[in-house]
Amino acid sequence: MQETLEVKDLCKTFKAKAGDVTAVDKVSFEARKGEVTVIVGPSGSGKTTLLYLIGSLESPDGGEINTFGENIAASGADLIRYRRRRVGFVFQFFNLISALTTLENVMLPMDIQAVPVSEQRSTAVRLLDKMGIDARLQKAKANRISGGEKQRVAIARAMANDPDIILADEPTGNLDSATGRVVVDILVRLAREDNKCVVIVTHDEGILEVADHSFHMMDGKLTLQ
């Protein structure tokens, strides 16, 4: 299997009352497994839309998204399978289900894939342990833990189906600087130790120091940092 995520001439325009807005304007870049790619830019620059296109949460108007040899922007691509098996999302606002325990949140993606419950549980425990979420916190409801703990649970959930790609949208945006550093270090370890292709979009230029490759995004256009 190829080791590269390759985006070519990707475009996305949204219609608005004031006129069409080009959120992603002929963007091209590559990201590799085992490496961290950071895209930095202000709010409204198009970086979240770009991430959603790569993760197939949005559909592009043009261009290619070649994920290790498969163009998922092509008609006929199995996008449901791609989202569930190949991509893990980490969101700024965590997107955990408050009524579930942290363990149940991590088990949920595997449940959707009809993984046996015993395997769901053992995998979730292993991932949460790896993230520093102990047995006590694994039993806690998601709304009863701190922001940093929520983000570590969210990363464990993103890893539940062992995806090739981790897409992190402002992963430190709701965290203090020390907790944010812990989260960034975890994402770096996923790339280095677990051979994941990690793409982080952020307004925080401090994250650039961990990047193998970095880009700047402004008004839908991407340039080398």
C-alpha atoms as a PDB file:
ATOM      1  CA  MET A   1       0.000   0.000   0.000  1.00  0.00           C
ATOM      2  CA  GLN A   2       1.214   3.502  -0.822  1.00  0.00           C
ATOM      3  CA  GLU A   3       2.243   5.591   2.180  1.00  0.00           C
ATOM      4  CA  THR A   4       1.068   8.991   0.906  1.00  0.00           C
ATOM      5  CA  LEU A   5      -2.101  11.067   1.196  1.00  0.00           C
ATOM      6  CA  GLU A   6      -2.083  13.291  -1.879  1.00  0.00           C
ATOM      7  CA  VAL A   7      -4.439  16.220  -2.468  1.00  0.00           C
ATOM      8  CA  LYS A   8      -4.497  17.691  -5.993  1.00  0.00           C
ATOM      9  CA  ASP A   9      -6.215  20.930  -7.082  1.00  0.00           C
ATOM     10  CA  LEU A  10      -8.970  20.515  -4.489  1.00  0.00           C
ATOM     11  CA  CYS A  11     -11.802  23.047  -4.671  1.00  0.00           C
ATOM     12  CA  LYS A  12     -14.899  23.800  -2.615  1.00  0.00           C
ATOM     13  CA  THR A  13     -17.279  26.754  -3.011  1.00  0.00           C
ATOM     14  CA  PHE A  14     -20.267  27.542  -0.811  1.00  0.00           C
ATOM     15  CA  LYS A  15     -23.230  29.620  -1.942  1.00  0.00           C
ATOM     16  CA  ALA A  16     -24.169  32.573   0.248  1.00  0.00           C
ATOM     17  CA  LYS A  17     -26.543  35.520  -0.028  1.00  0.00           C
ATOM     18  CA  ALA A  18     -23.622  37.908  -0.404  1.00  0.00           C
ATOM     19  CA  GLY A  19     -22.133  35.776  -3.171  1.00  0.00           C
ATOM     20  CA  ASP A  20     -20.256  32.520  -3.594  1.00  0.00           C
ATOM     21  CA  VAL A  21     -17.432  31.869  -1.123  1.00  0.00           C
ATOM     22  CA  THR A  22     -14.489  29.770  -2.258  1.00  0.00           C
ATOM     23  CA  ALA A  23     -13.393  28.039   0.939  1.00  0.00           C
ATOM     24  CA  VAL A  24     -10.795  25.786  -0.697  1.00  0.00           C
ATOM     25  CA  ASP A  25      -9.126  27.135  -3.839  1.00  0.00           C
ATOM     26  CA  LYS A  26      -7.104  24.629  -5.919  1.00  0.00           C
ATOM     27  CA  VAL A  27      -5.264  23.233  -2.896  1.00  0.00           C
ATOM     28  CA  SER A  28      -2.510  20.660  -3.417  1.00  0.00           C
ATOM     29  CA  PHE A  29      -0.242  18.997  -0.843  1.00  0.00           C
ATOM     30  CA  GLU A  30       1.057  15.635   0.338  1.00  0.00           C
ATOM     31  CA  ALA A  31       1.136  14.032   3.796  1.00  0.00           C
ATOM     32  CA  ARG A  32       2.809  10.745   4.671  1.00  0.00           C
ATOM     33  CA  LYS A  33       2.322   7.959   7.176  1.00  0.00           C
ATOM     34  CA  GLY A  34       4.743   8.267  10.081  1.00  0.00           C
ATOM     35  CA  GLU A  35       4.766  12.060   9.808  1.00  0.00           C
ATOM     36  CA  VAL A  36       2.917  15.102  11.171  1.00  0.00           C
ATOM     37  CA  THR A  37       1.616  17.673   8.700  1.00  0.00           C
ATOM     38  CA  VAL A  38       0.458  20.991  10.189  1.00  0.00           C
ATOM     39  CA  ILE A  39      -1.704  23.538   8.370  1.00  0.00           C
ATOM     40  CA  VAL A  40      -1.870  26.870  10.170  1.00  0.00           C
ATOM     41  CA  GLY A  41      -4.180  29.766   9.442  1.00  0.00           C
ATOM     42  CA  PRO A  42      -6.738  32.130  10.970  1.00  0.00           C
ATOM     43  CA  SER A  43     -10.436  31.411  11.444  1.00  0.00           C
ATOM     44  CA  GLY A  44     -12.265  31.501   8.133  1.00  0.00           C
ATOM     45  CA  SER A  45      -9.191  30.617   6.086  1.00  0.00           C
ATOM     46  CA  GLY A  46     -10.709  27.331   4.852  1.00  0.00           C
ATOM     47  CA  LYS A  47      -8.585  24.909   6.840  1.00  0.00           C
ATOM     48  CA  THR A  48     -11.489  23.131   8.567  1.00  0.00           C
ATOM     49  CA  THR A  49     -13.304  22.749   5.235  1.00  0.00           C
ATOM     50  CA  LEU A  50     -10.130  21.252   3.788  1.00  0.00           C
ATOM     51  CA  LEU A  51     -10.002  18.734   6.633  1.00  0.00           C
ATOM     52  CA  TYR A  52     -13.678  17.863   6.135  1.00  0.00           C
ATOM     53  CA  LEU A  53     -13.055  17.270   2.434  1.00  0.00           C
ATOM     54  CA  ILE A  54     -10.167  14.906   3.177  1.00  0.00           C
ATOM     55  CA  GLY A  55     -12.348  13.061   5.686  1.00  0.00           C
ATOM     56  CA  SER A  56     -15.304  12.992   3.234  1.00  0.00           C
ATOM     57  CA  LEU A  57     -17.566  14.950   5.593  1.00  0.00           C
ATOM     58  CA  GLU A  58     -17.872  17.418   2.702  1.00  0.00           C
ATOM     59  CA  SER A  59     -17.820  16.716  -1.046  1.00  0.00           C
ATOM     60  CA  PRO A  60     -15.358  18.639  -3.250  1.00  0.00           C
ATOM     61  CA  ASP A  61     -16.391  20.564  -6.339  1.00  0.00           C
ATOM     62  CA  GLY A  62     -13.223  19.479  -8.100  1.00  0.00           C
ATOM     63  CA  GLY A  63      -9.810  17.927  -7.644  1.00  0.00           C
ATOM     64  CA  GLU A  64      -8.507  14.638  -6.247  1.00  0.00           C
ATOM     65  CA  ILE A  65      -7.958  13.156  -2.803  1.00  0.00           C
ATOM     66  CA  ASN A  66      -5.694  10.146  -3.248  1.00  0.00           C
ATOM     67  CA  THR A  67      -5.512   8.177  -0.011  1.00  0.00           C
ATOM     68  CA  PHE A  68      -2.739   5.627  -0.368  1.00  0.00           C
ATOM     69  CA  GLY A  69      -3.612   4.920  -3.987  1.00  0.00           C
ATOM     70  CA  GLU A  70      -7.424   5.364  -3.883  1.00  0.00           C
ATOM     71  CA  ASN A  71      -9.059   8.551  -5.168  1.00  0.00           C
ATOM     72  CA  ILE A  72     -11.913   9.000  -2.714  1.00  0.00           C
ATOM     73  CA  ALA A  73     -13.104  12.122  -4.548  1.00  0.00           C
ATOM     74  CA  ALA A  74     -14.046   9.943  -7.541  1.00  0.00           C
ATOM     75  CA  SER A  75     -17.620   8.894  -8.094  1.00  0.00           C
ATOM     76  CA  GLY A  76     -18.145   5.332  -6.982  1.00  0.00           C
ATOM     77  CA  ALA A  77     -15.717   5.518  -4.059  1.00  0.00           C
ATOM     78  CA  ASP A  78     -17.021   3.746  -0.947  1.00  0.00           C
ATOM     79  CA  LEU A  79     -17.071   6.811   1.297  1.00  0.00           C
ATOM     80  CA  ILE A  80     -18.886   5.167   4.202  1.00  0.00           C
ATOM     81  CA  ARG A  81     -16.245   2.454   4.455  1.00  0.00           C
ATOM     82  CA  TYR A  82     -13.502   5.069   4.014  1.00  0.00           C
ATOM     83  CA  ARG A  83     -14.826   7.235   6.869  1.00  0.00           C
ATOM     84  CA  ARG A  84     -15.313   4.309   9.217  1.00  0.00           C
ATOM     85  CA  ARG A  85     -12.131   2.368   8.512  1.00  0.00           C
ATOM     86  CA  ARG A  86      -9.490   4.722   7.138  1.00  0.00           C
ATOM     87  CA  VAL A  87     -10.031   8.034   8.982  1.00  0.00           C
ATOM     88  CA  GLY A  88     -10.107   9.107  12.631  1.00  0.00           C
ATOM     89  CA  PHE A  89     -11.338  12.609  13.513  1.00  0.00           C
ATOM     90  CA  VAL A  90     -10.286  14.704  16.515  1.00  0.00           C
ATOM     91  CA  PHE A  91     -12.468  17.799  16.941  1.00  0.00           C
ATOM     92  CA  GLN A  92     -11.921  21.061  18.830  1.00  0.00           C
ATOM     93  CA  PHE A  93     -15.117  20.573  20.866  1.00  0.00           C
ATOM     94  CA  PHE A  94     -14.439  16.849  21.498  1.00  0.00           C
ATOM     95  CA  ASN A  95     -17.899  15.699  20.246  1.00  0.00           C
ATOM     96  CA  LEU A  96     -18.196  13.038  22.923  1.00  0.00           C
ATOM     97  CA  ILE A  97     -21.627  11.695  23.894  1.00  0.00           C
ATOM     98  CA  SER A  98     -22.221  13.062  27.389  1.00  0.00           C
ATOM     99  CA  ALA A  99     -24.602  10.308  28.493  1.00  0.00           C
ATOM    100  CA  LEU A 100     -22.025   7.585  27.784  1.00  0.00           C
ATOM    101  CA  THR A 101     -18.958   6.705  29.824  1.00  0.00           C
ATOM    102  CA  THR A 102     -15.549   7.379  28.339  1.00  0.00           C
ATOM    103  CA  LEU A 103     -15.173   3.648  27.707  1.00  0.00           C
ATOM    104  CA  GLU A 104     -18.517   3.512  25.892  1.00  0.00           C
ATOM    105  CA  ASN A 105     -17.556   6.519  23.752  1.00  0.00           C
ATOM    106  CA  VAL A 106     -14.458   4.699  22.507  1.00  0.00           C
ATOM    107  CA  MET A 107     -16.393   1.472  21.958  1.00  0.00           C
ATOM    108  CA  LEU A 108     -19.033   3.218  19.821  1.00  0.00           C
ATOM    109  CA  PRO A 109     -17.154   3.307  16.465  1.00  0.00           C
ATOM    110  CA  MET A 110     -16.394  -0.388  16.844  1.00  0.00           C
ATOM    111  CA  ASP A 111     -20.032  -1.119  17.676  1.00  0.00           C
ATOM    112  CA  ILE A 112     -21.053   0.542  14.406  1.00  0.00           C
ATOM    113  CA  GLN A 113     -18.637  -1.824  12.659  1.00  0.00           C
ATOM    114  CA  ALA A 114     -20.260  -4.831  14.438  1.00  0.00           C
ATOM    115  CA  VAL A 115     -17.056  -5.732  16.271  1.00  0.00           C
ATOM    116  CA  PRO A 116     -17.760  -8.299  19.037  1.00  0.00           C
ATOM    117  CA  VAL A 117     -18.442  -6.581  22.364  1.00  0.00           C
ATOM    118  CA  SER A 118     -15.575  -8.321  24.156  1.00  0.00           C
ATOM    119  CA  GLU A 119     -13.146  -7.074  21.517  1.00  0.00           C
ATOM    120  CA  GLN A 120     -14.671  -3.593  21.653  1.00  0.00           C
ATOM    121  CA  ARG A 121     -14.097  -3.446  25.382  1.00  0.00           C
ATOM    122  CA  SER A 122     -10.531  -4.787  25.358  1.00  0.00           C
ATOM    123  CA  THR A 123      -9.511  -2.441  22.535  1.00  0.00           C
ATOM    124  CA  ALA A 124     -11.130   0.560  24.234  1.00  0.00           C
ATOM    125  CA  VAL A 125      -9.417  -0.204  27.550  1.00  0.00           C
ATOM    126  CA  ARG A 126      -6.051  -0.553  25.798  1.00  0.00           C
ATOM    127  CA  LEU A 127      -6.449   2.739  23.927  1.00  0.00           C
ATOM    128  CA  LEU A 128      -7.640   4.659  26.982  1.00  0.00           C
ATOM    129  CA  ASP A 129      -4.792   3.247  29.069  1.00  0.00           C
ATOM    130  CA  LYS A 130      -2.412   4.425  26.348  1.00  0.00           C
ATOM    131  CA  MET A 131      -3.922   7.914  26.606  1.00  0.00           C
ATOM    132  CA  GLY A 132      -3.513   8.002  30.377  1.00  0.00           C
ATOM    133  CA  ILE A 133      -7.236   7.535  31.122  1.00  0.00           C
ATOM    134  CA  ASP A 134      -7.272   5.156  34.097  1.00  0.00           C
ATOM    135  CA  ALA A 135      -9.912   2.618  35.143  1.00  0.00           C
ATOM    136  CA  ARG A 136     -11.737   5.161  37.332  1.00  0.00           C
ATOM    137  CA  LEU A 137     -12.059   7.673  34.503  1.00  0.00           C
ATOM    138  CA  GLN A 138     -13.071   4.936  32.074  1.00  0.00           C
ATOM    139  CA  LYS A 139     -16.234   4.491  34.151  1.00  0.00           C
ATOM    140  CA  ALA A 140     -16.967   8.227  34.328  1.00  0.00           C
ATOM    141  CA  LYS A 141     -19.556   9.935  32.150  1.00  0.00           C
ATOM    142  CA  ALA A 142     -17.977  12.041  29.426  1.00  0.00           C
ATOM    143  CA  ASN A 143     -19.456  15.248  30.879  1.00  0.00           C
ATOM    144  CA  ARG A 144     -17.764  14.619  34.234  1.00  0.00           C
ATOM    145  CA  ILE A 145     -14.137  14.834  33.088  1.00  0.00           C
ATOM    146  CA  SER A 146     -11.814  17.745  32.297  1.00  0.00           C
ATOM    147  CA  GLY A 147     -11.222  19.250  28.865  1.00  0.00           C
ATOM    148  CA  GLY A 148      -7.806  17.641  28.539  1.00  0.00           C
ATOM    149  CA  GLU A 149      -9.234  14.270  29.521  1.00  0.00           C
ATOM    150  CA  LYS A 150     -12.052  14.699  27.006  1.00  0.00           C
ATOM    151  CA  GLN A 151      -9.567  15.348  24.215  1.00  0.00           C
ATOM    152  CA  ARG A 152      -7.513  12.282  25.140  1.00  0.00           C
ATOM    153  CA  VAL A 153     -10.713  10.200  25.098  1.00  0.00           C
ATOM    154  CA  ALA A 154     -11.546  11.726  21.700  1.00  0.00           C
ATOM    155  CA  ILE A 155      -8.140  10.669  20.370  1.00  0.00           C
ATOM    156  CA  ALA A 156      -8.684   7.145  21.703  1.00  0.00           C
ATOM    157  CA  ARG A 157     -12.064   7.100  19.941  1.00  0.00           C
ATOM    158  CA  ALA A 158     -10.415   8.285  16.716  1.00  0.00           C
ATOM    159  CA  MET A 159      -8.044   5.324  16.965  1.00  0.00           C
ATOM    160  CA  ALA A 160     -10.772   2.755  17.688  1.00  0.00           C
ATOM    161  CA  ASN A 161     -10.882   1.241  14.185  1.00  0.00           C
ATOM    162  CA  ASP A 162      -7.110   1.578  13.657  1.00  0.00           C
ATOM    163  CA  PRO A 163      -7.325   4.168  10.838  1.00  0.00           C
ATOM    164  CA  ASP A 164      -4.452   5.149   8.561  1.00  0.00           C
ATOM    165  CA  ILE A 165      -5.229   8.882   8.824  1.00  0.00           C
ATOM    166  CA  ILE A 166      -5.813  11.052  11.898  1.00  0.00           C
ATOM    167  CA  LEU A 167      -7.383  14.439  11.115  1.00  0.00           C
ATOM    168  CA  ALA A 168      -7.205  16.891  14.019  1.00  0.00           C
ATOM    169  CA  ASP A 169      -9.223  20.118  13.821  1.00  0.00           C
ATOM    170  CA  GLU A 170      -7.918  22.712  16.314  1.00  0.00           C
ATOM    171  CA  PRO A 171      -7.157  19.920  18.839  1.00  0.00           C
ATOM    172  CA  THR A 172      -5.785  22.392  21.413  1.00  0.00           C
ATOM    173  CA  GLY A 173      -8.334  25.160  20.808  1.00  0.00           C
ATOM    174  CA  ASN A 174     -10.262  24.587  24.061  1.00  0.00           C
ATOM    175  CA  LEU A 175      -7.285  23.677  26.247  1.00  0.00           C
ATOM    176  CA  ASP A 176      -4.746  25.574  28.334  1.00  0.00           C
ATOM    177  CA  SER A 177      -1.187  25.606  26.998  1.00  0.00           C
ATOM    178  CA  ALA A 178       0.167  22.814  29.232  1.00  0.00           C
ATOM    179  CA  THR A 179      -2.742  20.461  28.500  1.00  0.00           C
ATOM    180  CA  GLY A 180      -2.570  21.362  24.816  1.00  0.00           C
ATOM    181  CA  ARG A 181       1.083  20.347  24.782  1.00  0.00           C
ATOM    182  CA  VAL A 182       0.174  16.918  26.165  1.00  0.00           C
ATOM    183  CA  VAL A 183      -2.418  16.448  23.407  1.00  0.00           C
ATOM    184  CA  VAL A 184       0.046  17.489  20.686  1.00  0.00           C
ATOM    185  CA  ASP A 185       2.657  15.086  22.065  1.00  0.00           C
ATOM    186  CA  ILE A 186       0.095  12.254  21.860  1.00  0.00           C
ATOM    187  CA  LEU A 187      -0.655  13.087  18.216  1.00  0.00           C
ATOM    188  CA  VAL A 188       3.063  13.137  17.421  1.00  0.00           C
ATOM    189  CA  ARG A 189       3.493   9.705  19.042  1.00  0.00           C
ATOM    190  CA  LEU A 190       0.647   8.325  16.925  1.00  0.00           C
ATOM    191  CA  ALA A 191       2.583   9.362  13.830  1.00  0.00           C
ATOM    192  CA  ARG A 192       6.034   8.249  14.989  1.00  0.00           C
ATOM    193  CA  GLU A 193       5.196   5.074  16.912  1.00  0.00           C
ATOM    194  CA  ASP A 194       1.950   3.895  15.278  1.00  0.00           C
ATOM    195  CA  ASN A 195       2.838   4.989  11.725  1.00  0.00           C
ATOM    196  CA  LYS A 196      -0.270   7.126  11.292  1.00  0.00           C
ATOM    197  CA  CYS A 197      -0.642   9.952   8.800  1.00  0.00           C
ATOM    198  CA  VAL A 198      -1.455  12.855  11.145  1.00  0.00           C
ATOM    199  CA  VAL A 199      -2.815  16.118   9.716  1.00  0.00           C
ATOM    200  CA  ILE A 200      -3.415  18.972  12.171  1.00  0.00           C
ATOM    201  CA  VAL A 201      -5.157  22.229  11.272  1.00  0.00           C
ATOM    202  CA  THR A 202      -4.755  25.035  13.792  1.00  0.00           C
ATOM    203  CA  HIS A 203      -4.422  28.765  14.360  1.00  0.00           C
ATOM    204  CA  ASP A 204      -1.679  28.031  16.950  1.00  0.00           C
ATOM    205  CA  GLU A 205       1.696  28.580  15.315  1.00  0.00           C
ATOM    206  CA  GLY A 206       3.404  26.968  18.325  1.00  0.00           C
ATOM    207  CA  ILE A 207       2.351  23.568  16.962  1.00  0.00           C
ATOM    208  CA  LEU A 208       4.582  24.151  13.921  1.00  0.00           C
ATOM    209  CA  GLU A 209       7.602  23.049  15.950  1.00  0.00           C
ATOM    210  CA  VAL A 210       6.447  19.398  15.837  1.00  0.00           C
ATOM    211  CA  ALA A 211       5.655  19.406  12.106  1.00  0.00           C
ATOM    212  CA  ASP A 212       7.516  17.344   9.547  1.00  0.00           C
ATOM    213  CA  HIS A 213       5.789  19.454   6.898  1.00  0.00           C
ATOM    214  CA  SER A 214       3.922  22.719   7.412  1.00  0.00           C
ATOM    215  CA  PHE A 215       1.680  24.959   5.342  1.00  0.00           C
ATOM    216  CA  HIS A 216      -0.112  28.280   5.733  1.00  0.00           C
ATOM    217  CA  MET A 217      -3.714  28.735   4.633  1.00  0.00           C
ATOM    218  CA  MET A 218      -5.364  32.049   3.855  1.00  0.00           C
ATOM    219  CA  ASP A 219      -8.512  32.792   1.834  1.00  0.00           C
ATOM    220  CA  GLY A 220      -8.748  29.190   0.681  1.00  0.00           C
ATOM    221  CA  LYS A 221      -5.216  29.037  -0.706  1.00  0.00           C
ATOM    222  CA  LEU A 222      -2.394  26.893   0.683  1.00  0.00           C
ATOM    223  CA  THR A 223       1.288  27.835   0.650  1.00  0.00           C
ATOM    224  CA  LEU A 224       4.405  26.308   2.159  1.00  0.00           C
ATOM    225  CA  GLN A 225       5.097  27.666   5.635  1.00  0.00           C
END
